[in-house]
Amino acid sequence: MAVGAQYNFNAFALKSFARLDYEFASKNRTLFAGDDRGTVQYDPYLGPTSATTFVSARAGTQISNFSVELFIDNLLDSRTITSITHTALDGAGPQPPVSPLYTYSTFRPRTFGLTFIYRQ
């Protein structure tokens, strides 16, 4: 689910706006092949991922042909794990894997920035 709201207004006689965006992804209620014990893709090292929430904000103003905008991505600094992958490191053959390699993915940390746009 994604919801956004924007408020347009004049600040010091300049066209301006403020915007907030909210994204939510619920926990998957069905099993993926890697989570299902009845499949050959089953991997006992993996676990289900949880629901995620991502919020971003942006505000800006337009001055003549220029617009200046301040943004904040991942406003709540969410560190929810969005995916997990597992690879066995087995470089030499039939013995048990030396060590599993796990990769966890998450959102980029809270990020602040400025956007400058020039339009003719």
C-alpha atoms as a PDB file:
ATOM      1  CA  MET A   1       0.000   0.000   0.000  1.00  0.00           C
ATOM      2  CA  ALA A   2       1.299   3.455  -0.845  1.00  0.00           C
ATOM      3  CA  VAL A   3      -0.262   6.756   0.187  1.00  0.00           C
ATOM      4  CA  GLY A   4       0.983  10.273  -0.458  1.00  0.00           C
ATOM      5  CA  ALA A   5      -0.264  13.722   0.441  1.00  0.00           C
ATOM      6  CA  GLN A   6       0.898  17.071  -0.878  1.00  0.00           C
ATOM      7  CA  TYR A   7       0.035  20.548   0.329  1.00  0.00           C
ATOM      8  CA  ASN A   8       0.601  23.419  -2.120  1.00  0.00           C
ATOM      9  CA  PHE A   9       0.897  26.947  -0.729  1.00  0.00           C
ATOM     10  CA  ASN A  10       2.567  30.325  -1.258  1.00  0.00           C
ATOM     11  CA  ALA A  11       5.515  31.248   0.964  1.00  0.00           C
ATOM     12  CA  PHE A  12       6.645  34.869   0.581  1.00  0.00           C
ATOM     13  CA  ALA A  13       4.701  35.007  -2.713  1.00  0.00           C
ATOM     14  CA  LEU A  14       6.590  31.935  -4.056  1.00  0.00           C
ATOM     15  CA  LYS A  15       4.904  28.712  -5.164  1.00  0.00           C
ATOM     16  CA  SER A  16       5.828  26.093  -2.531  1.00  0.00           C
ATOM     17  CA  PHE A  17       4.814  22.603  -1.434  1.00  0.00           C
ATOM     18  CA  ALA A  18       5.220  20.035   1.324  1.00  0.00           C
ATOM     19  CA  ARG A  19       4.774  16.317   0.625  1.00  0.00           C
ATOM     20  CA  LEU A  20       4.691  13.156   2.739  1.00  0.00           C
ATOM     21  CA  ASP A  21       4.730   9.602   1.319  1.00  0.00           C
ATOM     22  CA  TYR A  22       4.013   6.393   3.244  1.00  0.00           C
ATOM     23  CA  GLU A  23       4.591   2.851   1.952  1.00  0.00           C
ATOM     24  CA  PHE A  24       3.606  -0.359   3.748  1.00  0.00           C
ATOM     25  CA  ALA A  25       4.230  -3.966   2.735  1.00  0.00           C
ATOM     26  CA  SER A  26       2.635  -6.623   4.912  1.00  0.00           C
ATOM     27  CA  LYS A  27       4.316  -9.843   5.935  1.00  0.00           C
ATOM     28  CA  ASN A  28       3.860 -12.566   3.329  1.00  0.00           C
ATOM     29  CA  ARG A  29       1.315 -15.066   4.696  1.00  0.00           C
ATOM     30  CA  THR A  30       2.197 -17.820   2.204  1.00  0.00           C
ATOM     31  CA  LEU A  31       5.446 -19.746   1.968  1.00  0.00           C
ATOM     32  CA  PHE A  32       8.081 -19.133  -0.654  1.00  0.00           C
ATOM     33  CA  ALA A  33       9.814 -22.240  -2.009  1.00  0.00           C
ATOM     34  CA  GLY A  34      12.828 -21.596   0.228  1.00  0.00           C
ATOM     35  CA  ASP A  35      10.570 -21.560   3.339  1.00  0.00           C
ATOM     36  CA  ASP A  36       8.522 -24.668   2.443  1.00  0.00           C
ATOM     37  CA  ARG A  37       9.893 -27.942   3.864  1.00  0.00           C
ATOM     38  CA  GLY A  38       8.114 -29.835   1.072  1.00  0.00           C
ATOM     39  CA  THR A  39      10.249 -28.381  -1.733  1.00  0.00           C
ATOM     40  CA  VAL A  40      13.800 -29.073  -2.885  1.00  0.00           C
ATOM     41  CA  GLN A  41      14.498 -25.315  -2.609  1.00  0.00           C
ATOM     42  CA  TYR A  42      13.856 -25.386   1.172  1.00  0.00           C
ATOM     43  CA  ASP A  43      16.658 -23.688   3.105  1.00  0.00           C
ATOM     44  CA  PRO A  44      16.488 -24.100   6.903  1.00  0.00           C
ATOM     45  CA  TYR A  45      18.893 -21.164   7.366  1.00  0.00           C
ATOM     46  CA  LEU A  46      16.398 -18.659   6.012  1.00  0.00           C
ATOM     47  CA  GLY A  47      13.508 -17.193   7.899  1.00  0.00           C
ATOM     48  CA  PRO A  48      10.481 -15.163   6.870  1.00  0.00           C
ATOM     49  CA  THR A  49      10.806 -11.424   6.530  1.00  0.00           C
ATOM     50  CA  SER A  50       8.477  -9.121   8.446  1.00  0.00           C
ATOM     51  CA  ALA A  51       6.228  -6.262   7.375  1.00  0.00           C
ATOM     52  CA  THR A  52       7.958  -3.062   6.235  1.00  0.00           C
ATOM     53  CA  THR A  53       7.164   0.628   6.522  1.00  0.00           C
ATOM     54  CA  PHE A  54       8.946   3.360   4.569  1.00  0.00           C
ATOM     55  CA  VAL A  55       8.234   7.085   4.963  1.00  0.00           C
ATOM     56  CA  SER A  56       9.691   9.968   2.969  1.00  0.00           C
ATOM     57  CA  ALA A  57       9.136  13.722   3.016  1.00  0.00           C
ATOM     58  CA  ARG A  58       9.868  16.536   0.590  1.00  0.00           C
ATOM     59  CA  ALA A  59       9.355  20.303   0.686  1.00  0.00           C
ATOM     60  CA  GLY A  60      10.305  22.910  -1.847  1.00  0.00           C
ATOM     61  CA  THR A  61       9.752  26.260  -3.450  1.00  0.00           C
ATOM     62  CA  GLN A  62      10.017  27.711  -6.935  1.00  0.00           C
ATOM     63  CA  ILE A  63      11.970  30.919  -7.576  1.00  0.00           C
ATOM     64  CA  SER A  64      11.577  32.080 -11.177  1.00  0.00           C
ATOM     65  CA  ASN A  65      12.974  29.224 -13.333  1.00  0.00           C
ATOM     66  CA  PHE A  66      14.602  27.483 -10.351  1.00  0.00           C
ATOM     67  CA  SER A  67      13.116  25.116  -7.825  1.00  0.00           C
ATOM     68  CA  VAL A  68      14.805  24.080  -4.610  1.00  0.00           C
ATOM     69  CA  GLU A  69      13.613  21.039  -2.671  1.00  0.00           C
ATOM     70  CA  LEU A  70      14.702  19.444   0.599  1.00  0.00           C
ATOM     71  CA  PHE A  71      14.025  15.715   0.936  1.00  0.00           C
ATOM     72  CA  ILE A  72      14.317  13.085   3.632  1.00  0.00           C
ATOM     73  CA  ASP A  73      14.137   9.434   2.606  1.00  0.00           C
ATOM     74  CA  ASN A  74      13.491   6.747   5.239  1.00  0.00           C
ATOM     75  CA  LEU A  75      12.248   9.420   7.640  1.00  0.00           C
ATOM     76  CA  LEU A  76      11.707   6.898  10.478  1.00  0.00           C
ATOM     77  CA  ASP A  77      15.154   5.319   9.873  1.00  0.00           C
ATOM     78  CA  SER A  78      13.593   1.865   9.412  1.00  0.00           C
ATOM     79  CA  ARG A  79      16.089  -0.995   9.500  1.00  0.00           C
ATOM     80  CA  THR A  80      13.657  -3.815   8.837  1.00  0.00           C
ATOM     81  CA  ILE A  81      15.204  -6.711   6.935  1.00  0.00           C
ATOM     82  CA  THR A  82      13.592  -6.793   3.509  1.00  0.00           C
ATOM     83  CA  SER A  83      15.250  -9.990   2.217  1.00  0.00           C
ATOM     84  CA  ILE A  84      17.637 -12.750   3.273  1.00  0.00           C
ATOM     85  CA  THR A  85      19.712 -14.949   0.995  1.00  0.00           C
ATOM     86  CA  HIS A  86      22.014 -17.833   1.850  1.00  0.00           C
ATOM     87  CA  THR A  87      24.860 -19.405  -0.105  1.00  0.00           C
ATOM     88  CA  ALA A  88      26.926 -22.351   1.017  1.00  0.00           C
ATOM     89  CA  LEU A  89      30.650 -21.825   0.487  1.00  0.00           C
ATOM     90  CA  ASP A  90      31.848 -25.198  -0.766  1.00  0.00           C
ATOM     91  CA  GLY A  91      34.922 -24.782  -2.902  1.00  0.00           C
ATOM     92  CA  ALA A  92      36.346 -28.295  -2.888  1.00  0.00           C
ATOM     93  CA  GLY A  93      33.658 -30.893  -3.273  1.00  0.00           C
ATOM     94  CA  PRO A  94      31.478 -33.334  -1.367  1.00  0.00           C
ATOM     95  CA  GLN A  95      32.394 -32.446   2.226  1.00  0.00           C
ATOM     96  CA  PRO A  96      29.919 -30.286   4.204  1.00  0.00           C
ATOM     97  CA  PRO A  97      29.998 -26.602   3.293  1.00  0.00           C
ATOM     98  CA  VAL A  98      32.821 -24.681   4.942  1.00  0.00           C
ATOM     99  CA  SER A  99      30.628 -21.812   6.072  1.00  0.00           C
ATOM    100  CA  PRO A 100      27.320 -20.360   4.965  1.00  0.00           C
ATOM    101  CA  LEU A 101      27.309 -16.860   3.529  1.00  0.00           C
ATOM    102  CA  TYR A 102      24.261 -14.803   4.516  1.00  0.00           C
ATOM    103  CA  THR A 103      23.173 -11.608   2.809  1.00  0.00           C
ATOM    104  CA  TYR A 104      20.636  -9.405   4.560  1.00  0.00           C
ATOM    105  CA  SER A 105      19.074  -6.472   2.715  1.00  0.00           C
ATOM    106  CA  THR A 106      17.361  -3.492   4.268  1.00  0.00           C
ATOM    107  CA  PHE A 107      16.455   0.088   3.412  1.00  0.00           C
ATOM    108  CA  ARG A 108      19.159   2.698   2.976  1.00  0.00           C
ATOM    109  CA  PRO A 109      19.555   4.652   6.274  1.00  0.00           C
ATOM    110  CA  ARG A 110      17.780   7.991   6.752  1.00  0.00           C
ATOM    111  CA  THR A 111      19.031  10.245   3.965  1.00  0.00           C
ATOM    112  CA  PHE A 112      18.797  14.039   3.715  1.00  0.00           C
ATOM    113  CA  GLY A 113      19.362  15.934   0.509  1.00  0.00           C
ATOM    114  CA  LEU A 114      18.678  18.921  -1.691  1.00  0.00           C
ATOM    115  CA  THR A 115      17.396  18.947  -5.234  1.00  0.00           C
ATOM    116  CA  PHE A 116      17.989  21.923  -7.530  1.00  0.00           C
ATOM    117  CA  ILE A 117      16.088  22.128 -10.813  1.00  0.00           C
ATOM    118  CA  TYR A 118      16.358  24.715 -13.569  1.00  0.00           C
ATOM    119  CA  ARG A 119      13.597  24.858 -16.188  1.00  0.00           C
ATOM    120  CA  GLN A 120      13.596  27.071 -19.276  1.00  0.00           C
END
